[in-house]
Amino acid sequence: MRRWSKGLNTWNWVAFFFPLFWFGYRKMYKPIFSIVGVIIVINLLVTVLGIDEVIFNAVMKFAVSFTVGITGNNFYRRHALKRIREMSESNISDVELLKNEIQLQGGTSWKGALGSFVLVGISLLIVMTMLKFVPSINQVTELELDSNIESEIIQVLEGNILALENENMDEYMSKVYTHAEQTTFAEIKKMLSDIFEDFDLAYELRDFEFLSISEQEVKVRVTQITTLVEGENFRDNESIFIHTLKPQKEEWKFFDSEVESIKYLAEDQSLVSNAETIPNYSSYIPTLKAPSMFDFFIEDKIDVNNDGILETISFRGGAIGGSSYLNENVEIVVEFDGLEITPLTLSAENAPILYFYDINQDGWMEIFFETGARIIGTEMYEFTPDGLAKVTTLNGSVEKFTPYEIITSEYNYVFDKSLIVNPWIVPV
């Protein structure tokens, strides 16, 4: 009565924060069913239209809470007057009996409040079911968008292959993502020049599998068959690539490519896996294995430049230093006819191993340095006019060598003639 005396629409904080609970507590059950019904219908429309239900529900909840908070007291007053009028117009003639009935029908109800929570829980289950099973227009649109992107990506991949077959450098490079730092772009161009000069290849794509699709990035796994049309020392193969493409200047371009696996085609054209075709060369590749991490000296004579003259290779590790977990004084020394190249000083985490193998078949061996049991990588070096220079670090320990390819415990690495790891083209 105190609130009603202040005016028609006075603020009610409990009705604002807990509108359905308040309706149930005040025995106004019809508004609860009405609001829950409207919420279910609106959520159905939201789901079908594909509107963000989280934002929409937050807005709708605030709207209901604000409306009930500012009109609830007046709504309750009208509800009470209506119920009193209905009971006054009933067949109850005894005034005292009528007052008792009015008092009984009025008041508050905790059962009604708890019942409102149960009803809200049921409505939430209904809404969640709708979200799960009712398709939205936006979902259909997203499916159509994905389908369009897939078609665009397949066209780019096929255009890429056509450019390779036609040895069209400009067309191929137009499909490569350009970074601010252009080293990778230049390396790919140089690699393609070597391939186009030495080989005539035929390509076939199959088994497109889209791993992720968005408007910013697409990852696709694709199988590529590459066969030699003209040239020498090329092994026909079936390779699986994972390509990452990103849009640039409104066109999809190759951002990155990873060789997942390579299988070589035997002469009868049946597929044979790497494990069956690539022997473990470590049994006869020049190899220097240190017996321990510290205080060792190994010397061997190896023809590292294929000139018929043996060079002296010294592999030694200093005495234990400040840390028993790392030897920072491991040296590789190479002497050419009395000319000693500046020693290469490295660190070892355990008994290290040294391999010599000519990966790019140019007559000069490359050196591969493993740090031993606690391997985190294999460092690769090449001979240059200025001495030994680092090429790259390979993940894992070396397992097998073959021309233009190194298989480690972690990955298959494919190189071109310039000792560049080849992420774009199958090995030569």
Protein backbone atom coordinates (compact mmCIF):
# COMPACT_ATOMS: atom_id res chain seq x y z
CA MET A 1 0.00 0.00 0.00
CA ARG A 2 2.91 2.32 0.75
CA ARG A 3 4.36 1.77 -2.75
CA TRP A 4 0.97 2.06 -4.46
CA SER A 5 0.38 5.36 -2.71
CA LYS A 6 3.43 6.87 -4.45
CA GLY A 7 2.03 6.53 -7.96
CA LEU A 8 1.21 4.06 -10.72
CA ASN A 9 4.77 3.11 -11.80
CA THR A 10 7.22 2.93 -8.91
CA TRP A 11 10.56 1.09 -9.12
CA ASN A 12 10.89 -2.45 -7.67
CA TRP A 13 14.46 -3.79 -7.43
CA VAL A 14 13.46 -7.39 -6.71
CA ALA A 15 11.19 -7.38 -9.76
CA PHE A 16 14.10 -5.96 -11.82
CA PHE A 17 16.70 -8.58 -10.81
CA PHE A 18 14.35 -11.59 -10.53
CA PRO A 19 11.24 -10.83 -12.64
CA LEU A 20 9.88 -14.37 -13.03
CA PHE A 21 10.71 -15.22 -9.41
CA TRP A 22 8.85 -12.09 -8.28
CA PHE A 23 5.78 -12.93 -10.38
CA GLY A 24 5.65 -16.41 -8.84
CA TYR A 25 6.17 -15.02 -5.33
CA ARG A 26 3.22 -12.63 -5.84
CA LYS A 27 1.01 -15.46 -7.25
CA MET A 28 0.83 -13.89 -10.72
CA TYR A 29 1.27 -17.04 -12.80
CA LYS A 30 -0.14 -16.00 -16.16
CA PRO A 31 2.67 -13.45 -16.83
CA ILE A 32 5.24 -16.19 -16.15
CA PHE A 33 3.76 -18.48 -18.82
CA SER A 34 3.38 -15.54 -21.21
CA ILE A 35 7.00 -14.38 -20.82
CA VAL A 36 8.39 -17.93 -21.07
CA GLY A 37 6.27 -18.57 -24.18
CA VAL A 38 7.48 -15.36 -25.81
CA ILE A 39 11.10 -16.21 -24.95
CA ILE A 40 10.77 -19.66 -26.57
CA VAL A 41 9.18 -18.24 -29.72
CA ILE A 42 11.75 -15.45 -30.01
CA ASN A 43 14.64 -17.89 -29.50
CA LEU A 44 13.19 -20.07 -32.25
CA LEU A 45 13.19 -17.08 -34.60
CA VAL A 46 16.69 -16.10 -33.49
CA THR A 47 17.93 -19.63 -34.20
CA VAL A 48 16.32 -19.78 -37.63
CA LEU A 49 17.63 -16.33 -38.57
CA GLY A 50 21.10 -17.18 -37.24
CA ILE A 51 21.31 -14.13 -34.95
CA ASP A 52 23.89 -14.23 -32.15
CA GLU A 53 21.73 -15.72 -29.38
CA VAL A 54 24.13 -14.72 -26.59
CA ILE A 55 23.88 -11.00 -27.34
CA PHE A 56 20.18 -11.21 -28.16
CA ASN A 57 19.31 -13.06 -24.94
CA ALA A 58 21.26 -10.51 -22.88
CA VAL A 59 19.34 -7.66 -24.50
CA MET A 60 16.02 -9.45 -24.11
CA LYS A 61 16.68 -10.27 -20.44
CA PHE A 62 17.50 -6.64 -19.69
CA ALA A 63 14.37 -5.46 -21.52
CA VAL A 64 12.13 -7.85 -19.53
CA SER A 65 13.84 -6.97 -16.24
CA PHE A 66 13.58 -3.22 -16.83
CA THR A 67 9.94 -3.43 -17.89
CA VAL A 68 8.94 -5.54 -14.90
CA GLY A 69 11.05 -3.41 -12.55
CA ILE A 70 9.29 -0.18 -13.49
CA THR A 71 5.74 -1.52 -14.05
CA GLY A 72 5.65 -4.46 -11.64
CA ASN A 73 4.11 -2.65 -8.65
CA ASN A 74 1.32 -1.18 -10.77
CA PHE A 75 0.82 -4.55 -12.51
CA TYR A 76 0.48 -6.23 -9.12
CA ARG A 77 -2.03 -3.56 -8.00
CA ARG A 78 -4.21 -4.15 -11.06
CA HIS A 79 -3.94 -7.92 -10.58
CA ALA A 80 -5.05 -7.61 -6.90
CA LEU A 81 -7.99 -5.32 -7.72
CA LYS A 82 -9.11 -7.67 -10.49
CA ARG A 83 -9.01 -10.73 -8.20
CA ILE A 84 -10.87 -8.83 -5.44
CA ARG A 85 -13.54 -7.76 -7.93
CA GLU A 86 -13.92 -11.30 -9.25
CA MET A 87 -14.36 -12.69 -5.74
CA SER A 88 -16.75 -9.84 -4.78
CA GLU A 89 -18.93 -10.74 -7.78
CA SER A 90 -19.00 -14.41 -6.75
CA ASN A 91 -21.82 -16.07 -4.83
CA ILE A 92 -20.18 -15.41 -1.45
CA SER A 93 -22.77 -13.35 0.45
CA ASP A 94 -21.15 -13.41 3.88
CA VAL A 95 -18.85 -10.36 4.19
CA GLU A 96 -16.52 -11.98 6.73
CA LEU A 97 -16.27 -15.12 4.61
CA LEU A 98 -15.44 -12.96 1.56
CA LYS A 99 -12.69 -11.15 3.48
CA ASN A 100 -11.19 -14.47 4.54
CA GLU A 101 -11.26 -15.73 0.93
CA ILE A 102 -9.62 -12.53 -0.32
CA GLN A 103 -6.93 -12.85 2.35
CA LEU A 104 -6.40 -16.51 1.45
CA GLN A 105 -6.08 -15.76 -2.29
CA GLY A 106 -3.74 -12.83 -1.65
CA GLY A 107 -0.40 -12.75 0.10
CA THR A 108 2.81 -14.36 -1.17
CA SER A 109 3.89 -17.87 -2.11
CA TRP A 110 7.36 -19.41 -1.95
CA LYS A 111 5.96 -22.39 -3.84
CA GLY A 112 5.06 -20.07 -6.67
CA ALA A 113 8.59 -18.60 -6.63
CA LEU A 114 10.19 -22.06 -6.78
CA GLY A 115 7.73 -23.12 -9.46
CA SER A 116 8.90 -20.19 -11.61
CA PHE A 117 12.47 -21.53 -11.42
CA VAL A 118 11.28 -24.97 -12.54
CA LEU A 119 9.42 -23.43 -15.46
CA VAL A 120 12.50 -21.40 -16.46
CA GLY A 121 14.58 -24.61 -16.37
CA ILE A 122 12.11 -26.35 -18.68
CA SER A 123 12.16 -23.39 -21.07
CA LEU A 124 15.96 -23.47 -21.16
CA LEU A 125 15.91 -27.16 -22.10
CA ILE A 126 13.47 -26.37 -24.91
CA VAL A 127 15.66 -23.50 -26.17
CA MET A 128 18.84 -25.64 -26.05
CA THR A 129 17.07 -28.38 -28.00
CA MET A 130 16.07 -25.84 -30.64
CA LEU A 131 19.62 -24.54 -30.91
CA LYS A 132 20.84 -28.08 -31.48
CA PHE A 133 18.31 -29.34 -34.00
CA VAL A 134 16.88 -26.29 -35.80
CA PRO A 135 19.06 -25.23 -38.77
CA SER A 136 19.63 -21.52 -39.19
CA ILE A 137 19.64 -19.48 -42.34
CA ASN A 138 23.15 -18.27 -41.47
CA GLN A 139 24.36 -21.86 -41.07
CA VAL A 140 23.15 -22.60 -44.56
CA THR A 141 24.89 -19.43 -45.71
CA GLU A 142 28.13 -20.52 -44.02
CA LEU A 143 27.92 -23.90 -45.74
CA GLU A 144 27.46 -22.15 -49.05
CA LEU A 145 30.40 -19.84 -48.22
CA ASP A 146 32.63 -22.83 -47.41
CA SER A 147 31.59 -24.49 -50.65
CA ASN A 148 32.47 -21.35 -52.62
CA ILE A 149 35.87 -21.08 -50.91
CA GLU A 150 36.59 -24.75 -51.59
CA SER A 151 35.88 -24.20 -55.29
CA GLU A 152 38.16 -21.16 -55.35
CA ILE A 153 40.99 -23.03 -53.60
CA ILE A 154 40.74 -26.01 -55.97
CA GLN A 155 40.98 -23.60 -58.91
CA VAL A 156 44.12 -22.05 -57.40
CA LEU A 157 45.70 -25.48 -56.84
CA GLU A 158 44.89 -26.61 -60.36
CA GLY A 159 46.14 -23.31 -61.78
CA ASN A 160 49.35 -23.79 -59.81
CA ILE A 161 49.86 -27.23 -61.35
CA LEU A 162 49.10 -25.95 -64.84
CA ALA A 163 51.74 -23.22 -64.40
CA LEU A 164 54.29 -25.88 -63.38
CA GLU A 165 53.53 -28.08 -66.37
CA ASN A 166 53.75 -25.10 -68.74
CA GLU A 167 56.91 -23.90 -66.91
CA ASN A 168 55.27 -20.49 -66.62
CA MET A 169 57.34 -18.79 -63.91
CA ASP A 170 55.30 -15.55 -63.75
CA GLU A 171 51.98 -17.39 -63.48
CA TYR A 172 53.29 -19.66 -60.73
CA MET A 173 54.84 -16.84 -58.70
CA SER A 174 51.62 -14.81 -58.97
CA LYS A 175 50.03 -17.49 -56.77
CA VAL A 176 52.67 -17.19 -54.04
CA TYR A 177 51.98 -14.97 -51.02
CA THR A 178 54.38 -12.04 -50.93
CA HIS A 179 55.82 -11.15 -47.52
CA ALA A 180 57.52 -7.93 -46.49
CA GLU A 181 60.76 -9.93 -46.37
CA GLN A 182 61.24 -11.37 -49.86
CA THR A 183 63.97 -13.96 -49.21
CA THR A 184 61.59 -16.93 -49.40
CA PHE A 185 60.01 -15.57 -52.59
CA ALA A 186 63.42 -15.30 -54.25
CA GLU A 187 64.47 -18.77 -53.09
CA ILE A 188 61.34 -20.34 -54.58
CA LYS A 189 61.95 -18.55 -57.86
CA LYS A 190 65.56 -19.77 -57.98
CA MET A 191 64.47 -23.34 -57.19
CA LEU A 192 61.86 -23.29 -59.96
CA SER A 193 64.46 -22.09 -62.46
CA ASP A 194 66.63 -25.11 -61.67
CA ILE A 195 63.70 -27.52 -61.98
CA PHE A 196 62.49 -26.04 -65.27
CA GLU A 197 66.03 -26.20 -66.64
CA ASP A 198 66.66 -29.85 -65.72
CA PHE A 199 63.28 -31.56 -66.00
CA ASP A 200 60.03 -31.73 -67.86
CA LEU A 201 57.45 -33.01 -65.37
CA ALA A 202 53.79 -34.02 -65.47
CA TYR A 203 51.51 -33.46 -62.48
CA GLU A 204 48.18 -34.79 -61.27
CA LEU A 205 46.15 -33.69 -58.23
CA ARG A 206 43.67 -35.85 -56.35
CA ASP A 207 42.01 -36.36 -52.93
CA PHE A 208 41.38 -32.79 -51.80
CA GLU A 209 40.73 -32.72 -48.03
CA PHE A 210 39.95 -29.34 -46.45
CA LEU A 211 41.28 -29.27 -42.87
CA SER A 212 40.05 -25.76 -41.97
CA ILE A 213 38.21 -23.01 -43.81
CA SER A 214 37.76 -19.35 -42.94
CA GLU A 215 37.79 -16.09 -44.82
CA GLN A 216 41.32 -15.43 -43.51
CA GLU A 217 43.00 -18.84 -43.99
CA VAL A 218 42.44 -22.25 -45.58
CA LYS A 219 44.36 -25.45 -44.91
CA VAL A 220 43.98 -28.25 -47.43
CA ARG A 221 45.60 -31.67 -47.74
CA VAL A 222 46.10 -32.79 -51.33
CA THR A 223 47.76 -35.74 -53.04
CA GLN A 224 50.09 -34.88 -55.92
CA ILE A 225 51.42 -37.38 -58.49
CA THR A 226 54.59 -36.18 -60.23
CA THR A 227 56.13 -38.12 -63.12
CA LEU A 228 59.14 -37.46 -65.32
CA VAL A 229 58.47 -36.64 -68.98
CA GLU A 230 62.01 -35.67 -69.92
CA GLY A 231 65.26 -35.48 -67.96
CA GLU A 232 67.40 -37.68 -65.74
CA ASN A 233 67.76 -38.65 -62.08
CA PHE A 234 64.16 -37.97 -61.13
CA ARG A 235 62.03 -40.47 -59.22
CA ASP A 236 58.32 -40.51 -60.01
CA ASN A 237 56.40 -40.10 -56.78
CA GLU A 238 53.13 -39.60 -54.98
CA SER A 239 53.41 -36.84 -52.37
CA ILE A 240 50.89 -35.57 -49.83
CA PHE A 241 51.05 -31.83 -49.16
CA ILE A 242 49.33 -29.67 -46.57
CA HIS A 243 48.95 -26.25 -48.19
CA THR A 244 48.07 -23.09 -46.27
CA LEU A 245 46.51 -20.36 -48.38
CA LYS A 246 45.68 -16.79 -47.39
CA PRO A 247 43.97 -13.99 -49.29
CA GLN A 248 46.10 -11.20 -50.69
CA LYS A 249 44.86 -8.51 -53.05
CA GLU A 250 41.48 -10.29 -53.19
CA GLU A 251 43.09 -13.54 -54.40
CA TRP A 252 43.94 -16.78 -52.58
CA LYS A 253 47.71 -17.39 -52.54
CA PHE A 254 50.09 -20.04 -51.19
CA PHE A 255 51.29 -18.90 -47.78
CA ASP A 256 52.99 -22.13 -46.67
CA SER A 257 53.28 -25.76 -47.75
CA GLU A 258 54.36 -28.84 -45.83
CA VAL A 259 55.33 -32.23 -47.23
CA GLU A 260 53.46 -34.74 -45.11
CA SER A 261 54.71 -37.87 -46.87
CA ILE A 262 56.35 -39.11 -50.08
CA LYS A 263 55.94 -42.42 -51.84
CA TYR A 264 58.02 -43.37 -54.85
CA LEU A 265 56.74 -45.14 -57.93
CA ALA A 266 58.69 -48.26 -58.86
CA GLU A 267 59.32 -49.16 -62.48
CA ASP A 268 56.13 -51.22 -62.58
CA GLN A 269 54.31 -48.06 -61.39
CA SER A 270 53.21 -49.70 -58.15
CA LEU A 271 53.58 -47.48 -55.12
CA VAL A 272 56.39 -48.24 -52.72
CA SER A 273 56.90 -46.38 -49.45
CA ASN A 274 60.04 -44.53 -48.37
CA ALA A 275 60.92 -47.26 -45.89
CA GLU A 276 61.01 -49.83 -48.69
CA THR A 277 62.97 -47.78 -51.21
CA ILE A 278 65.39 -45.71 -49.17
CA PRO A 279 68.16 -47.79 -47.62
CA ASN A 280 69.82 -46.84 -44.38
CA TYR A 281 73.04 -45.39 -45.75
CA SER A 282 74.64 -44.85 -42.34
CA SER A 283 76.37 -48.25 -42.59
CA TYR A 284 78.72 -46.98 -45.31
CA ILE A 285 78.40 -43.19 -45.15
CA PRO A 286 81.51 -41.75 -43.49
CA THR A 287 80.52 -41.48 -39.84
CA LEU A 288 82.47 -40.35 -36.81
CA LYS A 289 80.88 -41.32 -33.49
CA ALA A 290 82.29 -39.87 -30.30
CA PRO A 291 82.54 -42.40 -27.43
CA SER A 292 81.52 -39.74 -24.90
CA MET A 293 80.59 -36.09 -24.66
CA PHE A 294 83.96 -34.94 -23.28
CA ASP A 295 87.65 -35.51 -23.95
CA PHE A 296 87.60 -37.44 -27.25
CA PHE A 297 89.63 -37.30 -30.45
CA ILE A 298 88.67 -39.07 -33.70
CA GLU A 299 90.47 -38.70 -37.01
CA ASP A 300 89.60 -40.08 -40.44
CA LYS A 301 90.45 -39.50 -44.10
CA ILE A 302 87.49 -38.76 -46.40
CA ASP A 303 87.29 -37.49 -49.97
CA VAL A 304 84.80 -34.71 -49.22
CA ASN A 305 85.06 -32.99 -52.65
CA ASN A 306 85.23 -36.03 -54.95
CA ASP A 307 88.67 -35.09 -56.36
CA GLY A 308 90.32 -38.43 -55.61
CA ILE A 309 92.38 -36.97 -52.75
CA LEU A 310 91.55 -37.85 -49.16
CA GLU A 311 91.07 -34.95 -46.77
CA THR A 312 91.88 -35.29 -43.06
CA ILE A 313 88.91 -34.86 -40.75
CA SER A 314 89.51 -34.32 -37.03
CA PHE A 315 86.62 -34.56 -34.59
CA ARG A 316 87.45 -33.73 -31.00
CA GLY A 317 85.84 -32.67 -27.75
CA GLY A 318 87.50 -30.76 -24.93
CA ALA A 319 87.69 -31.76 -21.28
CA ILE A 320 84.74 -31.24 -19.00
CA GLY A 321 84.16 -27.55 -18.38
CA GLY A 322 81.80 -25.53 -16.23
CA SER A 323 78.74 -27.69 -16.91
CA SER A 324 78.58 -31.45 -16.90
CA TYR A 325 75.49 -31.27 -19.13
CA LEU A 326 77.04 -29.40 -22.06
CA ASN A 327 80.35 -29.51 -23.89
CA GLU A 328 80.90 -26.17 -25.58
CA ASN A 329 84.32 -27.15 -26.98
CA VAL A 330 83.58 -29.65 -29.74
CA GLU A 331 85.65 -28.98 -32.88
CA ILE A 332 85.44 -30.15 -36.49
CA VAL A 333 88.70 -29.65 -38.37
CA VAL A 334 89.15 -30.31 -42.12
CA GLU A 335 92.57 -30.26 -43.84
CA PHE A 336 92.95 -30.07 -47.64
CA ASP A 337 96.50 -31.09 -48.70
CA GLY A 338 97.96 -29.44 -45.67
CA LEU A 339 95.53 -26.49 -45.82
CA GLU A 340 93.50 -26.44 -42.63
CA ILE A 341 90.08 -24.81 -42.77
CA THR A 342 89.18 -22.72 -39.72
CA PRO A 343 87.88 -25.16 -37.10
CA LEU A 344 84.15 -25.23 -36.55
CA THR A 345 83.41 -25.01 -32.82
CA LEU A 346 80.11 -26.47 -31.61
CA SER A 347 78.30 -27.58 -28.46
CA ALA A 348 77.24 -31.12 -27.58
CA GLU A 349 74.57 -32.30 -25.16
CA ASN A 350 75.75 -35.91 -25.24
CA ALA A 351 78.15 -38.11 -27.21
CA PRO A 352 77.97 -36.41 -30.65
CA ILE A 353 77.92 -37.98 -34.11
CA LEU A 354 79.25 -36.64 -37.40
CA TYR A 355 77.89 -37.73 -40.82
CA PHE A 356 79.20 -36.85 -44.29
CA TYR A 357 76.87 -37.05 -47.29
CA ASP A 358 76.48 -35.24 -50.64
CA ILE A 359 72.79 -34.29 -50.52
CA ASN A 360 72.58 -32.11 -53.65
CA GLN A 361 74.92 -34.33 -55.72
CA ASP A 362 77.32 -31.51 -56.60
CA GLY A 363 80.44 -33.49 -55.64
CA TRP A 364 80.92 -31.84 -52.25
CA MET A 365 79.79 -33.59 -49.10
CA GLU A 366 77.74 -31.80 -46.48
CA ILE A 367 78.38 -32.33 -42.76
CA PHE A 368 75.63 -33.30 -40.31
CA PHE A 369 76.30 -32.82 -36.60
CA GLU A 370 74.14 -34.61 -34.00
CA THR A 371 74.58 -33.88 -30.32
CA GLY A 372 73.75 -37.41 -29.14
CA ALA A 373 71.04 -39.02 -27.03
CA ARG A 374 69.43 -35.77 -25.86
CA ILE A 375 68.94 -34.70 -29.45
CA ILE A 376 66.97 -31.57 -30.20
CA GLY A 377 68.17 -31.18 -33.77
CA THR A 378 70.79 -32.00 -36.36
CA GLU A 379 72.91 -29.12 -37.63
CA MET A 380 73.76 -29.19 -41.33
CA TYR A 381 76.90 -27.50 -42.76
CA GLU A 382 78.33 -27.07 -46.26
CA PHE A 383 81.81 -26.30 -47.59
CA THR A 384 82.26 -22.76 -48.95
CA PRO A 385 85.34 -20.79 -50.08
CA ASP A 386 85.35 -19.23 -46.61
CA GLY A 387 85.10 -22.53 -44.77
CA LEU A 388 82.22 -24.45 -43.26
CA ALA A 389 78.92 -22.56 -43.23
CA LYS A 390 75.68 -23.58 -41.55
CA VAL A 391 72.82 -24.48 -43.91
CA THR A 392 69.96 -25.28 -41.53
CA THR A 393 68.93 -27.18 -38.42
CA LEU A 394 66.87 -30.34 -38.91
CA ASN A 395 64.39 -31.49 -36.31
CA GLY A 396 65.24 -34.89 -34.88
CA SER A 397 68.15 -37.25 -35.45
CA VAL A 398 69.20 -38.50 -38.90
CA GLU A 399 67.79 -41.89 -39.85
CA LYS A 400 68.30 -42.16 -43.63
CA PHE A 401 69.99 -40.31 -46.48
CA THR A 402 69.11 -40.35 -50.15
CA PRO A 403 69.96 -37.83 -52.89
CA TYR A 404 68.07 -34.58 -52.27
CA GLU A 405 66.33 -36.00 -49.22
CA ILE A 406 67.03 -36.54 -45.50
CA ILE A 407 64.73 -38.54 -43.28
CA THR A 408 64.99 -37.72 -39.59
CA SER A 409 63.14 -39.10 -36.61
CA GLU A 410 60.76 -36.15 -36.91
CA TYR A 411 60.36 -35.26 -40.56
CA ASN A 412 61.22 -35.80 -44.23
CA TYR A 413 63.34 -32.98 -45.63
CA VAL A 414 63.57 -32.43 -49.39
CA PHE A 415 66.29 -30.18 -50.85
CA ASP A 416 66.98 -28.62 -54.22
CA LYS A 417 70.39 -28.14 -55.84
CA SER A 418 71.01 -25.00 -53.83
CA LEU A 419 70.42 -26.87 -50.55
CA ILE A 420 67.18 -25.00 -50.00
CA VAL A 421 64.49 -26.99 -48.21
CA ASN A 422 61.78 -27.41 -50.80
CA PRO A 423 58.26 -26.84 -49.48
CA TRP A 424 56.61 -26.39 -52.86
CA ILE A 425 57.76 -29.01 -55.34
CA VAL A 426 58.33 -32.73 -54.94
CA PRO A 427 61.99 -33.78 -54.65
CA VAL A 428 64.26 -33.89 -57.67
